[in-house]
PDB file of all heavy atoms in Angstrom:
ATOM      1  N   ASN A   1      -3.557  -9.858  -1.648  1.00  0.00           N
ATOM      2  CA  ASN A   1      -4.398  -8.656  -1.653  1.00  0.00           C
ATOM      3  C   ASN A   1      -5.136  -8.559  -0.328  1.00  0.00           C
ATOM      4  O   ASN A   1      -5.549  -9.575   0.252  1.00  0.00           O
ATOM      5  CB  ASN A   1      -5.378  -8.669  -2.825  1.00  0.00           C
ATOM      6  CG  ASN A   1      -6.397  -9.773  -2.728  1.00  0.00           C
ATOM      7  OD1 ASN A   1      -6.053 -10.937  -2.946  1.00  0.00           O
ATOM      8  ND2 ASN A   1      -7.641  -9.433  -2.415  1.00  0.00           N
ATOM      9  N   LYS A   2      -5.290  -7.336   0.158  1.00  0.00           N
ATOM     10  CA  LYS A   2      -5.886  -7.095   1.467  1.00  0.00           C
ATOM     11  C   LYS A   2      -6.733  -5.838   1.441  1.00  0.00           C
ATOM     12  O   LYS A   2      -6.479  -4.911   0.652  1.00  0.00           O
ATOM     13  CB  LYS A   2      -4.782  -6.908   2.532  1.00  0.00           C
ATOM     14  CG  LYS A   2      -4.002  -8.160   2.879  1.00  0.00           C
ATOM     15  CD  LYS A   2      -4.789  -9.053   3.814  1.00  0.00           C
ATOM     16  CE  LYS A   2      -3.955 -10.223   4.303  1.00  0.00           C
ATOM     17  NZ  LYS A   2      -4.724 -11.090   5.227  1.00  0.00           N
ATOM     18  N   ALA A   3      -7.727  -5.793   2.326  1.00  0.00           N
ATOM     19  CA  ALA A   3      -8.369  -4.522   2.636  1.00  0.00           C
ATOM     20  C   ALA A   3      -7.424  -3.731   3.538  1.00  0.00           C
ATOM     21  O   ALA A   3      -6.716  -4.314   4.374  1.00  0.00           O
ATOM     22  CB  ALA A   3      -9.699  -4.751   3.336  1.00  0.00           C
ATOM     23  N   ILE A   4      -7.383  -2.428   3.365  1.00  0.00           N
ATOM     24  CA  ILE A   4      -6.472  -1.614   4.174  1.00  0.00           C
ATOM     25  C   ILE A   4      -6.733  -1.821   5.665  1.00  0.00           C
ATOM     26  O   ILE A   4      -5.801  -1.875   6.476  1.00  0.00           O
ATOM     27  CB  ILE A   4      -6.597  -0.127   3.789  1.00  0.00           C
ATOM     28  CG1 ILE A   4      -5.922   0.121   2.450  1.00  0.00           C
ATOM     29  CG2 ILE A   4      -5.983   0.779   4.846  1.00  0.00           C
ATOM     30  CD1 ILE A   4      -5.929   1.546   1.986  1.00  0.00           C
ATOM     31  N   SER A   5      -7.998  -1.959   6.030  1.00  0.00           N
ATOM     32  CA  SER A   5      -8.341  -2.131   7.445  1.00  0.00           C
ATOM     33  C   SER A   5      -7.789  -3.435   8.008  1.00  0.00           C
ATOM     34  O   SER A   5      -7.666  -3.589   9.228  1.00  0.00           O
ATOM     35  CB  SER A   5      -9.857  -2.080   7.631  1.00  0.00           C
ATOM     36  OG  SER A   5     -10.484  -3.094   6.873  1.00  0.00           O
ATOM     37  N   ASN A   6      -7.462  -4.393   7.141  1.00  0.00           N
ATOM     38  CA  ASN A   6      -6.954  -5.688   7.596  1.00  0.00           C
ATOM     39  C   ASN A   6      -5.434  -5.793   7.510  1.00  0.00           C
ATOM     40  O   ASN A   6      -4.872  -6.855   7.783  1.00  0.00           O
ATOM     41  CB  ASN A   6      -7.577  -6.821   6.772  1.00  0.00           C
ATOM     42  CG  ASN A   6      -9.068  -6.949   7.003  1.00  0.00           C
ATOM     43  OD1 ASN A   6      -9.567  -6.598   8.071  1.00  0.00           O
ATOM     44  ND2 ASN A   6      -9.799  -7.442   6.011  1.00  0.00           N
ATOM     45  N   LEU A   7      -4.759  -4.721   7.137  1.00  0.00           N
ATOM     46  CA  LEU A   7      -3.303  -4.748   7.079  1.00  0.00           C
ATOM     47  C   LEU A   7      -2.711  -4.774   8.484  1.00  0.00           C
ATOM     48  O   LEU A   7      -3.282  -4.214   9.424  1.00  0.00           O
ATOM     49  CB  LEU A   7      -2.771  -3.510   6.342  1.00  0.00           C
ATOM     50  CG  LEU A   7      -2.918  -3.455   4.821  1.00  0.00           C
ATOM     51  CD1 LEU A   7      -2.468  -2.091   4.316  1.00  0.00           C
ATOM     52  CD2 LEU A   7      -2.108  -4.561   4.153  1.00  0.00           C
ATOM     53  N   ASP A   8      -1.561  -5.425   8.609  1.00  0.00           N
ATOM     54  CA  ASP A   8      -0.774  -5.311   9.833  1.00  0.00           C
ATOM     55  C   ASP A   8       0.661  -4.998   9.421  1.00  0.00           C
ATOM     56  O   ASP A   8       0.981  -4.934   8.234  1.00  0.00           O
ATOM     57  CB  ASP A   8      -0.860  -6.583  10.683  1.00  0.00           C
ATOM     58  CG  ASP A   8      -0.449  -7.824   9.916  1.00  0.00           C
ATOM     59  OD1 ASP A   8       0.591  -7.778   9.212  1.00  0.00           O
ATOM     60  OD2 ASP A   8      -1.154  -8.841   9.991  1.00  0.00           O
ATOM     61  N   ASP A   9       1.526  -4.822  10.394  1.00  0.00           N
ATOM     62  CA  ASP A   9       2.879  -4.346  10.097  1.00  0.00           C
ATOM     63  C   ASP A   9       3.849  -5.499   9.846  1.00  0.00           C
ATOM     64  O   ASP A   9       5.030  -5.412  10.185  1.00  0.00           O
ATOM     65  CB  ASP A   9       3.389  -3.472  11.249  1.00  0.00           C
ATOM     66  CG  ASP A   9       4.452  -2.479  10.777  1.00  0.00           C
ATOM     67  OD1 ASP A   9       4.544  -2.256   9.558  1.00  0.00           O
ATOM     68  OD2 ASP A   9       5.173  -1.928  11.632  1.00  0.00           O
ATOM     69  N   SER A  10       3.361  -6.577   9.220  1.00  0.00           N
ATOM     70  CA  SER A  10       4.217  -7.733   8.958  1.00  0.00           C
ATOM     71  C   SER A  10       4.707  -7.787   7.517  1.00  0.00           C
ATOM     72  O   SER A  10       5.480  -8.679   7.165  1.00  0.00           O
ATOM     73  CB  SER A  10       3.448  -9.025   9.278  1.00  0.00           C
ATOM     74  OG  SER A  10       2.310  -9.155   8.436  1.00  0.00           O
ATOM     75  N   TYR A  11       4.274  -6.847   6.678  1.00  0.00           N
ATOM     76  CA  TYR A  11       4.635  -6.903   5.262  1.00  0.00           C
ATOM     77  C   TYR A  11       5.881  -6.058   4.992  1.00  0.00           C
ATOM     78  O   TYR A  11       6.092  -5.012   5.604  1.00  0.00           O
ATOM     79  CB  TYR A  11       3.467  -6.415   4.400  1.00  0.00           C
ATOM     80  CG  TYR A  11       2.238  -7.272   4.554  1.00  0.00           C
ATOM     81  CD1 TYR A  11       1.179  -6.870   5.357  1.00  0.00           C
ATOM     82  CD2 TYR A  11       2.158  -8.510   3.917  1.00  0.00           C
ATOM     83  CE1 TYR A  11       0.064  -7.663   5.521  1.00  0.00           C
ATOM     84  CE2 TYR A  11       1.040  -9.312   4.070  1.00  0.00           C
ATOM     85  CZ  TYR A  11      -0.003  -8.888   4.879  1.00  0.00           C
ATOM     86  OH  TYR A  11      -1.105  -9.688   5.044  1.00  0.00           O
ATOM     87  N   ASP A  12       6.680  -6.543   4.042  1.00  0.00           N
ATOM     88  CA  ASP A  12       7.891  -5.808   3.671  1.00  0.00           C
ATOM     89  C   ASP A  12       7.581  -4.642   2.741  1.00  0.00           C
ATOM     90  O   ASP A  12       8.254  -3.614   2.778  1.00  0.00           O
ATOM     91  CB  ASP A  12       8.893  -6.746   2.985  1.00  0.00           C
ATOM     92  CG  ASP A  12       9.300  -7.905   3.875  1.00  0.00           C
ATOM     93  OD1 ASP A  12       9.549  -7.667   5.068  1.00  0.00           O
ATOM     94  OD2 ASP A  12       9.356  -9.049   3.377  1.00  0.00           O
ATOM     95  N   LEU A  13       6.588  -4.812   1.871  1.00  0.00           N
ATOM     96  CA  LEU A  13       6.250  -3.782   0.894  1.00  0.00           C
ATOM     97  C   LEU A  13       4.737  -3.763   0.700  1.00  0.00           C
ATOM     98  O   LEU A  13       4.106  -4.823   0.635  1.00  0.00           O
ATOM     99  CB  LEU A  13       6.967  -4.048  -0.437  1.00  0.00           C
ATOM    100  CG  LEU A  13       6.847  -2.996  -1.542  1.00  0.00           C
ATOM    101  CD1 LEU A  13       8.155  -2.918  -2.341  1.00  0.00           C
ATOM    102  CD2 LEU A  13       5.692  -3.299  -2.485  1.00  0.00           C
ATOM    103  N   VAL A  14       4.174  -2.570   0.622  1.00  0.00           N
ATOM    104  CA  VAL A  14       2.733  -2.410   0.453  1.00  0.00           C
ATOM    105  C   VAL A  14       2.472  -1.532  -0.758  1.00  0.00           C
ATOM    106  O   VAL A  14       3.058  -0.451  -0.888  1.00  0.00           O
ATOM    107  CB  VAL A  14       2.074  -1.789   1.706  1.00  0.00           C
ATOM    108  CG1 VAL A  14       0.579  -1.561   1.474  1.00  0.00           C
ATOM    109  CG2 VAL A  14       2.281  -2.701   2.915  1.00  0.00           C
ATOM    110  N   VAL A  15       1.603  -2.009  -1.653  1.00  0.00           N
ATOM    111  CA  VAL A  15       1.232  -1.273  -2.855  1.00  0.00           C
ATOM    112  C   VAL A  15      -0.212  -0.816  -2.715  1.00  0.00           C
ATOM    113  O   VAL A  15      -1.093  -1.615  -2.377  1.00  0.00           O
ATOM    114  CB  VAL A  15       1.375  -2.149  -4.120  1.00  0.00           C
ATOM    115  CG1 VAL A  15       1.097  -1.326  -5.380  1.00  0.00           C
ATOM    116  CG2 VAL A  15       2.756  -2.772  -4.190  1.00  0.00           C
ATOM    117  N   THR A  16      -0.473   0.455  -2.971  1.00  0.00           N
ATOM    118  CA  THR A  16      -1.828   0.997  -2.878  1.00  0.00           C
ATOM    119  C   THR A  16      -2.050   2.020  -3.979  1.00  0.00           C
ATOM    120  O   THR A  16      -1.110   2.519  -4.580  1.00  0.00           O
ATOM    121  CB  THR A  16      -2.075   1.698  -1.523  1.00  0.00           C
ATOM    122  OG1 THR A  16      -1.048   2.667  -1.310  1.00  0.00           O
ATOM    123  CG2 THR A  16      -2.095   0.724  -0.371  1.00  0.00           C
ATOM    124  N   HIS A  17      -3.327   2.322  -4.209  1.00  0.00           N
ATOM    125  CA  HIS A  17      -3.659   3.462  -5.050  1.00  0.00           C
ATOM    126  C   HIS A  17      -3.134   4.717  -4.367  1.00  0.00           C
ATOM    127  O   HIS A  17      -3.092   4.824  -3.144  1.00  0.00           O
ATOM    128  CB  HIS A  17      -5.175   3.553  -5.252  1.00  0.00           C
ATOM    129  CG  HIS A  17      -5.598   4.609  -6.228  1.00  0.00           C
ATOM    130  ND1 HIS A  17      -5.752   5.931  -5.868  1.00  0.00           N
ATOM    131  CD2 HIS A  17      -5.886   4.548  -7.548  1.00  0.00           C
ATOM    132  CE1 HIS A  17      -6.126   6.623  -6.919  1.00  0.00           C
ATOM    133  NE2 HIS A  17      -6.212   5.813  -7.960  1.00  0.00           N
ATOM    134  N   GLN A  18      -2.727   5.702  -5.176  1.00  0.00           N
ATOM    135  CA  GLN A  18      -2.092   6.894  -4.625  1.00  0.00           C
ATOM    136  C   GLN A  18      -2.969   7.622  -3.608  1.00  0.00           C
ATOM    137  O   GLN A  18      -2.460   8.260  -2.681  1.00  0.00           O
ATOM    138  CB  GLN A  18      -1.721   7.856  -5.753  1.00  0.00           C
ATOM    139  CG  GLN A  18      -2.909   8.341  -6.563  1.00  0.00           C
ATOM    140  CD  GLN A  18      -2.496   9.110  -7.801  1.00  0.00           C
ATOM    141  OE1 GLN A  18      -1.437   8.855  -8.357  1.00  0.00           O
ATOM    142  NE2 GLN A  18      -3.323  10.034  -8.234  1.00  0.00           N
ATOM    143  N   ASP A  19      -4.294   7.519  -3.739  1.00  0.00           N
ATOM    144  CA  ASP A  19      -5.185   8.207  -2.808  1.00  0.00           C
ATOM    145  C   ASP A  19      -5.300   7.484  -1.472  1.00  0.00           C
ATOM    146  O   ASP A  19      -5.881   8.021  -0.525  1.00  0.00           O
ATOM    147  CB  ASP A  19      -6.581   8.355  -3.418  1.00  0.00           C
ATOM    148  CG  ASP A  19      -6.590   9.298  -4.610  1.00  0.00           C
ATOM    149  OD1 ASP A  19      -5.667  10.125  -4.702  1.00  0.00           O
ATOM    150  OD2 ASP A  19      -7.503   9.201  -5.444  1.00  0.00           O
ATOM    151  N   LEU A  20      -4.771   6.247  -1.403  1.00  0.00           N
ATOM    152  CA  LEU A  20      -4.908   5.447  -0.182  1.00  0.00           C
ATOM    153  C   LEU A  20      -3.579   5.232   0.538  1.00  0.00           C
ATOM    154  O   LEU A  20      -3.552   4.596   1.591  1.00  0.00           O
ATOM    155  CB  LEU A  20      -5.531   4.079  -0.522  1.00  0.00           C
ATOM    156  CG  LEU A  20      -6.929   4.099  -1.144  1.00  0.00           C
ATOM    157  CD1 LEU A  20      -7.335   2.684  -1.552  1.00  0.00           C
ATOM    158  CD2 LEU A  20      -7.945   4.675  -0.163  1.00  0.00           C
ATOM    159  N   THR A  21      -2.502   5.753  -0.010  1.00  0.00           N
ATOM    160  CA  THR A  21      -1.182   5.463   0.549  1.00  0.00           C
ATOM    161  C   THR A  21      -1.041   5.950   1.987  1.00  0.00           C
ATOM    162  O   THR A  21      -0.472   5.253   2.837  1.00  0.00           O
ATOM    163  CB  THR A  21      -0.084   6.081  -0.335  1.00  0.00           C
ATOM    164  OG1 THR A  21      -0.194   5.560  -1.664  1.00  0.00           O
ATOM    165  CG2 THR A  21       1.298   5.766   0.211  1.00  0.00           C
ATOM    166  N   ASP A  22      -1.554   7.129   2.280  1.00  0.00           N
ATOM    167  CA  ASP A  22      -1.432   7.658   3.643  1.00  0.00           C
ATOM    168  C   ASP A  22      -2.138   6.759   4.649  1.00  0.00           C
ATOM    169  O   ASP A  22      -1.633   6.527   5.756  1.00  0.00           O
ATOM    170  CB  ASP A  22      -2.004   9.081   3.716  1.00  0.00           C
ATOM    171  CG  ASP A  22      -1.084  10.108   3.061  1.00  0.00           C
ATOM    172  OD1 ASP A  22       0.107   9.787   2.881  1.00  0.00           O
ATOM    173  OD2 ASP A  22      -1.562  11.204   2.728  1.00  0.00           O
ATOM    174  N   ARG A  23      -3.314   6.234   4.283  1.00  0.00           N
ATOM    175  CA  ARG A  23      -4.031   5.323   5.185  1.00  0.00           C
ATOM    176  C   ARG A  23      -3.248   4.035   5.383  1.00  0.00           C
ATOM    177  O   ARG A  23      -3.142   3.513   6.507  1.00  0.00           O
ATOM    178  CB  ARG A  23      -5.416   5.002   4.619  1.00  0.00           C
ATOM    179  CG  ARG A  23      -6.435   6.122   4.763  1.00  0.00           C
ATOM    180  CD  ARG A  23      -7.742   5.762   4.093  1.00  0.00           C
ATOM    181  NE  ARG A  23      -8.274   4.501   4.578  1.00  0.00           N
ATOM    182  CZ  ARG A  23      -9.269   3.831   3.981  1.00  0.00           C
ATOM    183  NH1 ARG A  23      -9.805   4.315   2.870  1.00  0.00           N
ATOM    184  NH2 ARG A  23      -9.705   2.703   4.480  1.00  0.00           N
ATOM    185  N   ALA A  24      -2.696   3.512   4.303  1.00  0.00           N
ATOM    186  CA  ALA A  24      -1.931   2.273   4.404  1.00  0.00           C
ATOM    187  C   ALA A  24      -0.677   2.463   5.247  1.00  0.00           C
ATOM    188  O   ALA A  24      -0.285   1.570   6.012  1.00  0.00           O
ATOM    189  CB  ALA A  24      -1.561   1.773   3.008  1.00  0.00           C
ATOM    190  N   ARG A  25      -0.052   3.622   5.132  1.00  0.00           N
ATOM    191  CA  ARG A  25       1.172   3.879   5.894  1.00  0.00           C
ATOM    192  C   ARG A  25       0.899   3.885   7.402  1.00  0.00           C
ATOM    193  O   ARG A  25       1.750   3.494   8.193  1.00  0.00           O
ATOM    194  CB  ARG A  25       1.788   5.208   5.435  1.00  0.00           C
ATOM    195  CG  ARG A  25       3.168   5.460   6.001  1.00  0.00           C
ATOM    196  CD  ARG A  25       3.802   6.705   5.417  1.00  0.00           C
ATOM    197  NE  ARG A  25       4.337   6.452   4.085  1.00  0.00           N
ATOM    198  CZ  ARG A  25       3.890   6.999   2.977  1.00  0.00           C
ATOM    199  NH1 ARG A  25       2.874   7.844   3.026  1.00  0.00           N
ATOM    200  NH2 ARG A  25       4.437   6.731   1.811  1.00  0.00           N
ATOM    201  N   GLN A  26      -0.300   4.310   7.797  1.00  0.00           N
ATOM    202  CA  GLN A  26      -0.658   4.278   9.214  1.00  0.00           C
ATOM    203  C   GLN A  26      -0.781   2.846   9.720  1.00  0.00           C
ATOM    204  O   GLN A  26      -0.453   2.552  10.871  1.00  0.00           O
ATOM    205  CB  GLN A  26      -1.975   5.021   9.435  1.00  0.00           C
ATOM    206  CG  GLN A  26      -1.889   6.515   9.150  1.00  0.00           C
ATOM    207  CD  GLN A  26      -3.238   7.204   9.234  1.00  0.00           C
ATOM    208  OE1 GLN A  26      -4.224   6.594   9.663  1.00  0.00           O
ATOM    209  NE2 GLN A  26      -3.304   8.463   8.830  1.00  0.00           N
ATOM    210  N   GLN A  27      -1.236   1.926   8.857  1.00  0.00           N
ATOM    211  CA  GLN A  27      -1.408   0.522   9.249  1.00  0.00           C
ATOM    212  C   GLN A  27      -0.080  -0.232   9.236  1.00  0.00           C
ATOM    213  O   GLN A  27       0.119  -1.151  10.025  1.00  0.00           O
ATOM    214  CB  GLN A  27      -2.381  -0.165   8.294  1.00  0.00           C
ATOM    215  CG  GLN A  27      -3.801   0.384   8.291  1.00  0.00           C
ATOM    216  CD  GLN A  27      -4.570  -0.017   9.530  1.00  0.00           C
ATOM    217  OE1 GLN A  27      -4.854   0.810  10.389  1.00  0.00           O
ATOM    218  NE2 GLN A  27      -4.895  -1.289   9.657  1.00  0.00           N
ATOM    219  N   THR A  28       0.808   0.147   8.303  1.00  0.00           N
ATOM    220  CA  THR A  28       2.072  -0.580   8.144  1.00  0.00           C
ATOM    221  C   THR A  28       3.236   0.414   8.079  1.00  0.00           C
ATOM    222  O   THR A  28       3.837   0.606   7.023  1.00  0.00           O
ATOM    223  CB  THR A  28       2.042  -1.437   6.861  1.00  0.00           C
ATOM    224  OG1 THR A  28       1.741  -0.567   5.754  1.00  0.00           O
ATOM    225  CG2 THR A  28       1.000  -2.518   6.948  1.00  0.00           C
ATOM    226  N   PRO A  29       3.580   1.036   9.197  1.00  0.00           N
ATOM    227  CA  PRO A  29       4.596   2.100   9.177  1.00  0.00           C
ATOM    228  C   PRO A  29       5.995   1.628   8.825  1.00  0.00           C
ATOM    229  O   PRO A  29       6.810   2.420   8.345  1.00  0.00           O
ATOM    230  CB  PRO A  29       4.545   2.650  10.609  1.00  0.00           C
ATOM    231  CG  PRO A  29       3.969   1.544  11.431  1.00  0.00           C
ATOM    232  CD  PRO A  29       3.006   0.830  10.544  1.00  0.00           C
ATOM    233  N   SER A  30       6.313   0.352   9.038  1.00  0.00           N
ATOM    234  CA  SER A  30       7.678  -0.099   8.780  1.00  0.00           C
ATOM    235  C   SER A  30       7.872  -0.636   7.369  1.00  0.00           C
ATOM    236  O   SER A  30       8.998  -0.946   6.975  1.00  0.00           O
ATOM    237  CB  SER A  30       8.068  -1.190   9.793  1.00  0.00           C
ATOM    238  OG  SER A  30       7.260  -2.341   9.627  1.00  0.00           O
ATOM    239  N   ALA A  31       6.815  -0.740   6.584  1.00  0.00           N
ATOM    240  CA  ALA A  31       6.925  -1.281   5.230  1.00  0.00           C
ATOM    241  C   ALA A  31       7.357  -0.207   4.242  1.00  0.00           C
ATOM    242  O   ALA A  31       7.195   0.987   4.481  1.00  0.00           O
ATOM    243  CB  ALA A  31       5.582  -1.878   4.794  1.00  0.00           C
ATOM    244  N   VAL A  32       7.915  -0.646   3.124  1.00  0.00           N
ATOM    245  CA  VAL A  32       8.141   0.248   1.987  1.00  0.00           C
ATOM    246  C   VAL A  32       6.794   0.426   1.290  1.00  0.00           C
ATOM    247  O   VAL A  32       6.089  -0.548   1.035  1.00  0.00           O
ATOM    248  CB  VAL A  32       9.170  -0.352   1.011  1.00  0.00           C
ATOM    249  CG1 VAL A  32       9.313   0.535  -0.222  1.00  0.00           C
ATOM    250  CG2 VAL A  32      10.510  -0.538   1.698  1.00  0.00           C
ATOM    251  N   HIS A  33       6.423   1.665   0.975  1.00  0.00           N
ATOM    252  CA  HIS A  33       5.120   1.931   0.362  1.00  0.00           C
ATOM    253  C   HIS A  33       5.304   2.426  -1.069  1.00  0.00           C
ATOM    254  O   HIS A  33       6.121   3.308  -1.340  1.00  0.00           O
ATOM    255  CB  HIS A  33       4.339   2.956   1.180  1.00  0.00           C
ATOM    256  CG  HIS A  33       3.786   2.394   2.445  1.00  0.00           C
ATOM    257  ND1 HIS A  33       2.508   1.910   2.558  1.00  0.00           N
ATOM    258  CD2 HIS A  33       4.369   2.194   3.652  1.00  0.00           C
ATOM    259  CE1 HIS A  33       2.311   1.459   3.778  1.00  0.00           C
ATOM    260  NE2 HIS A  33       3.435   1.624   4.472  1.00  0.00           N
ATOM    261  N   VAL A  34       4.526   1.857  -1.963  1.00  0.00           N
ATOM    262  CA  VAL A  34       4.567   2.219  -3.376  1.00  0.00           C
ATOM    263  C   VAL A  34       3.163   2.635  -3.802  1.00  0.00           C
ATOM    264  O   VAL A  34       2.197   1.904  -3.566  1.00  0.00           O
ATOM    265  CB  VAL A  34       5.054   1.038  -4.241  1.00  0.00           C
ATOM    266  CG1 VAL A  34       4.991   1.403  -5.724  1.00  0.00           C
ATOM    267  CG2 VAL A  34       6.471   0.642  -3.851  1.00  0.00           C
ATOM    268  N   SER A  35       3.057   3.814  -4.409  1.00  0.00           N
ATOM    269  CA  SER A  35       1.769   4.327  -4.867  1.00  0.00           C
ATOM    270  C   SER A  35       1.631   4.112  -6.371  1.00  0.00           C
ATOM    271  O   SER A  35       2.581   4.309  -7.121  1.00  0.00           O
ATOM    272  CB  SER A  35       1.642   5.827  -4.571  1.00  0.00           C
ATOM    273  OG  SER A  35       1.777   6.074  -3.192  1.00  0.00           O
ATOM    274  N   VAL A  36       0.439   3.701  -6.808  1.00  0.00           N
ATOM    275  CA  VAL A  36       0.165   3.520  -8.234  1.00  0.00           C
ATOM    276  C   VAL A  36      -1.127   4.238  -8.588  1.00  0.00           C
ATOM    277  O   VAL A  36      -1.962   4.516  -7.722  1.00  0.00           O
ATOM    278  CB  VAL A  36       0.047   2.022  -8.614  1.00  0.00           C
ATOM    279  CG1 VAL A  36       1.332   1.288  -8.310  1.00  0.00           C
ATOM    280  CG2 VAL A  36      -1.123   1.359  -7.901  1.00  0.00           C
ATOM    281  N   ASP A  37      -1.294   4.553  -9.875  1.00  0.00           N
ATOM    282  CA  ASP A  37      -2.560   5.128 -10.323  1.00  0.00           C
ATOM    283  C   ASP A  37      -3.148   4.347 -11.485  1.00  0.00           C
ATOM    284  O   ASP A  37      -4.179   4.716 -12.027  1.00  0.00           O
ATOM    285  CB  ASP A  37      -2.401   6.606 -10.711  1.00  0.00           C
ATOM    286  CG  ASP A  37      -1.446   6.804 -11.873  1.00  0.00           C
ATOM    287  OD1 ASP A  37      -0.874   5.805 -12.354  1.00  0.00           O
ATOM    288  OD2 ASP A  37      -1.260   7.961 -12.294  1.00  0.00           O
ATOM    289  N   ASN A  38      -2.470   3.271 -11.891  1.00  0.00           N
ATOM    290  CA  ASN A  38      -2.959   2.392 -12.946  1.00  0.00           C
ATOM    291  C   ASN A  38      -2.683   0.964 -12.502  1.00  0.00           C
ATOM    292  O   ASN A  38      -1.542   0.523 -12.480  1.00  0.00           O
ATOM    293  CB  ASN A  38      -2.253   2.703 -14.272  1.00  0.00           C
ATOM    294  CG  ASN A  38      -2.775   1.866 -15.431  1.00  0.00           C
ATOM    295  OD1 ASN A  38      -3.245   0.749 -15.254  1.00  0.00           O
ATOM    296  ND2 ASN A  38      -2.689   2.418 -16.623  1.00  0.00           N
ATOM    297  N   PHE A  39      -3.731   0.245 -12.132  1.00  0.00           N
ATOM    298  CA  PHE A  39      -3.545  -1.081 -11.550  1.00  0.00           C
ATOM    299  C   PHE A  39      -3.093  -2.115 -12.584  1.00  0.00           C
ATOM    300  O   PHE A  39      -2.456  -3.092 -12.242  1.00  0.00           O
ATOM    301  CB  PHE A  39      -4.849  -1.562 -10.909  1.00  0.00           C
ATOM    302  CG  PHE A  39      -5.218  -0.802  -9.669  1.00  0.00           C
ATOM    303  CD1 PHE A  39      -6.089   0.268  -9.728  1.00  0.00           C
ATOM    304  CD2 PHE A  39      -4.688  -1.149  -8.446  1.00  0.00           C
ATOM    305  CE1 PHE A  39      -6.430   0.973  -8.593  1.00  0.00           C
ATOM    306  CE2 PHE A  39      -5.019  -0.448  -7.296  1.00  0.00           C
ATOM    307  CZ  PHE A  39      -5.892   0.612  -7.369  1.00  0.00           C
ATOM    308  N   MET A  40      -3.450  -1.921 -13.847  1.00  0.00           N
ATOM    309  CA  MET A  40      -3.169  -2.932 -14.849  1.00  0.00           C
ATOM    310  C   MET A  40      -1.785  -2.779 -15.481  1.00  0.00           C
ATOM    311  O   MET A  40      -1.181  -3.761 -15.876  1.00  0.00           O
ATOM    312  CB  MET A  40      -4.228  -2.878 -15.962  1.00  0.00           C
ATOM    313  CG  MET A  40      -5.632  -3.206 -15.483  1.00  0.00           C
ATOM    314  SD  MET A  40      -5.751  -4.829 -14.721  1.00  0.00           S
ATOM    315  CE  MET A  40      -5.188  -5.862 -16.049  1.00  0.00           C
ATOM    316  N   ALA A  41      -1.305  -1.568 -15.609  1.00  0.00           N
ATOM    317  CA  ALA A  41      -0.057  -1.371 -16.360  1.00  0.00           C
ATOM    318  C   ALA A  41       0.821  -0.302 -15.728  1.00  0.00           C
ATOM    319  O   ALA A  41       1.414   0.515 -16.416  1.00  0.00           O
ATOM    320  CB  ALA A  41      -0.373  -1.011 -17.810  1.00  0.00           C
ATOM    321  N   SER A  42       0.921  -0.300 -14.416  1.00  0.00           N
ATOM    322  CA  SER A  42       1.712   0.731 -13.748  1.00  0.00           C
ATOM    323  C   SER A  42       3.204   0.481 -13.953  1.00  0.00           C
ATOM    324  O   SER A  42       3.688  -0.645 -13.773  1.00  0.00           O
ATOM    325  CB  SER A  42       1.404   0.756 -12.253  1.00  0.00           C
ATOM    326  OG  SER A  42       2.265   1.658 -11.595  1.00  0.00           O
ATOM    327  N   PRO A  43       3.975   1.519 -14.308  1.00  0.00           N
ATOM    328  CA  PRO A  43       5.432   1.351 -14.415  1.00  0.00           C
ATOM    329  C   PRO A  43       6.077   1.048 -13.067  1.00  0.00           C
ATOM    330  O   PRO A  43       7.209   0.570 -13.024  1.00  0.00           O
ATOM    331  CB  PRO A  43       5.899   2.701 -14.968  1.00  0.00           C
ATOM    332  CG  PRO A  43       4.815   3.672 -14.616  1.00  0.00           C
ATOM    333  CD  PRO A  43       3.543   2.885 -14.659  1.00  0.00           C
ATOM    334  N   ARG A  44       5.359   1.305 -11.993  1.00  0.00           N
ATOM    335  CA  ARG A  44       5.913   1.016 -10.664  1.00  0.00           C
ATOM    336  C   ARG A  44       6.126  -0.482 -10.453  1.00  0.00           C
ATOM    337  O   ARG A  44       6.972  -0.893  -9.655  1.00  0.00           O
ATOM    338  CB  ARG A  44       5.004   1.564  -9.556  1.00  0.00           C
ATOM    339  CG  ARG A  44       4.673   3.046  -9.631  1.00  0.00           C
ATOM    340  CD  ARG A  44       5.918   3.926  -9.721  1.00  0.00           C
ATOM    341  NE  ARG A  44       6.863   3.701  -8.660  1.00  0.00           N
ATOM    342  CZ  ARG A  44       6.812   4.309  -7.472  1.00  0.00           C
ATOM    343  NH1 ARG A  44       5.863   5.191  -7.228  1.00  0.00           N
ATOM    344  NH2 ARG A  44       7.709   4.073  -6.568  1.00  0.00           N
TER     345      ARG A  44
END
């Protein structure tokens, strides 16, 4: 787990809340990004 501000482009896949995905994509443009809206039981 990371703060978005501490992300770098070394991760293969990044999971974020749907409202934060655009910010995360700027930090890690080469990763696969997955958006969720339920942290405990997301079908994603």
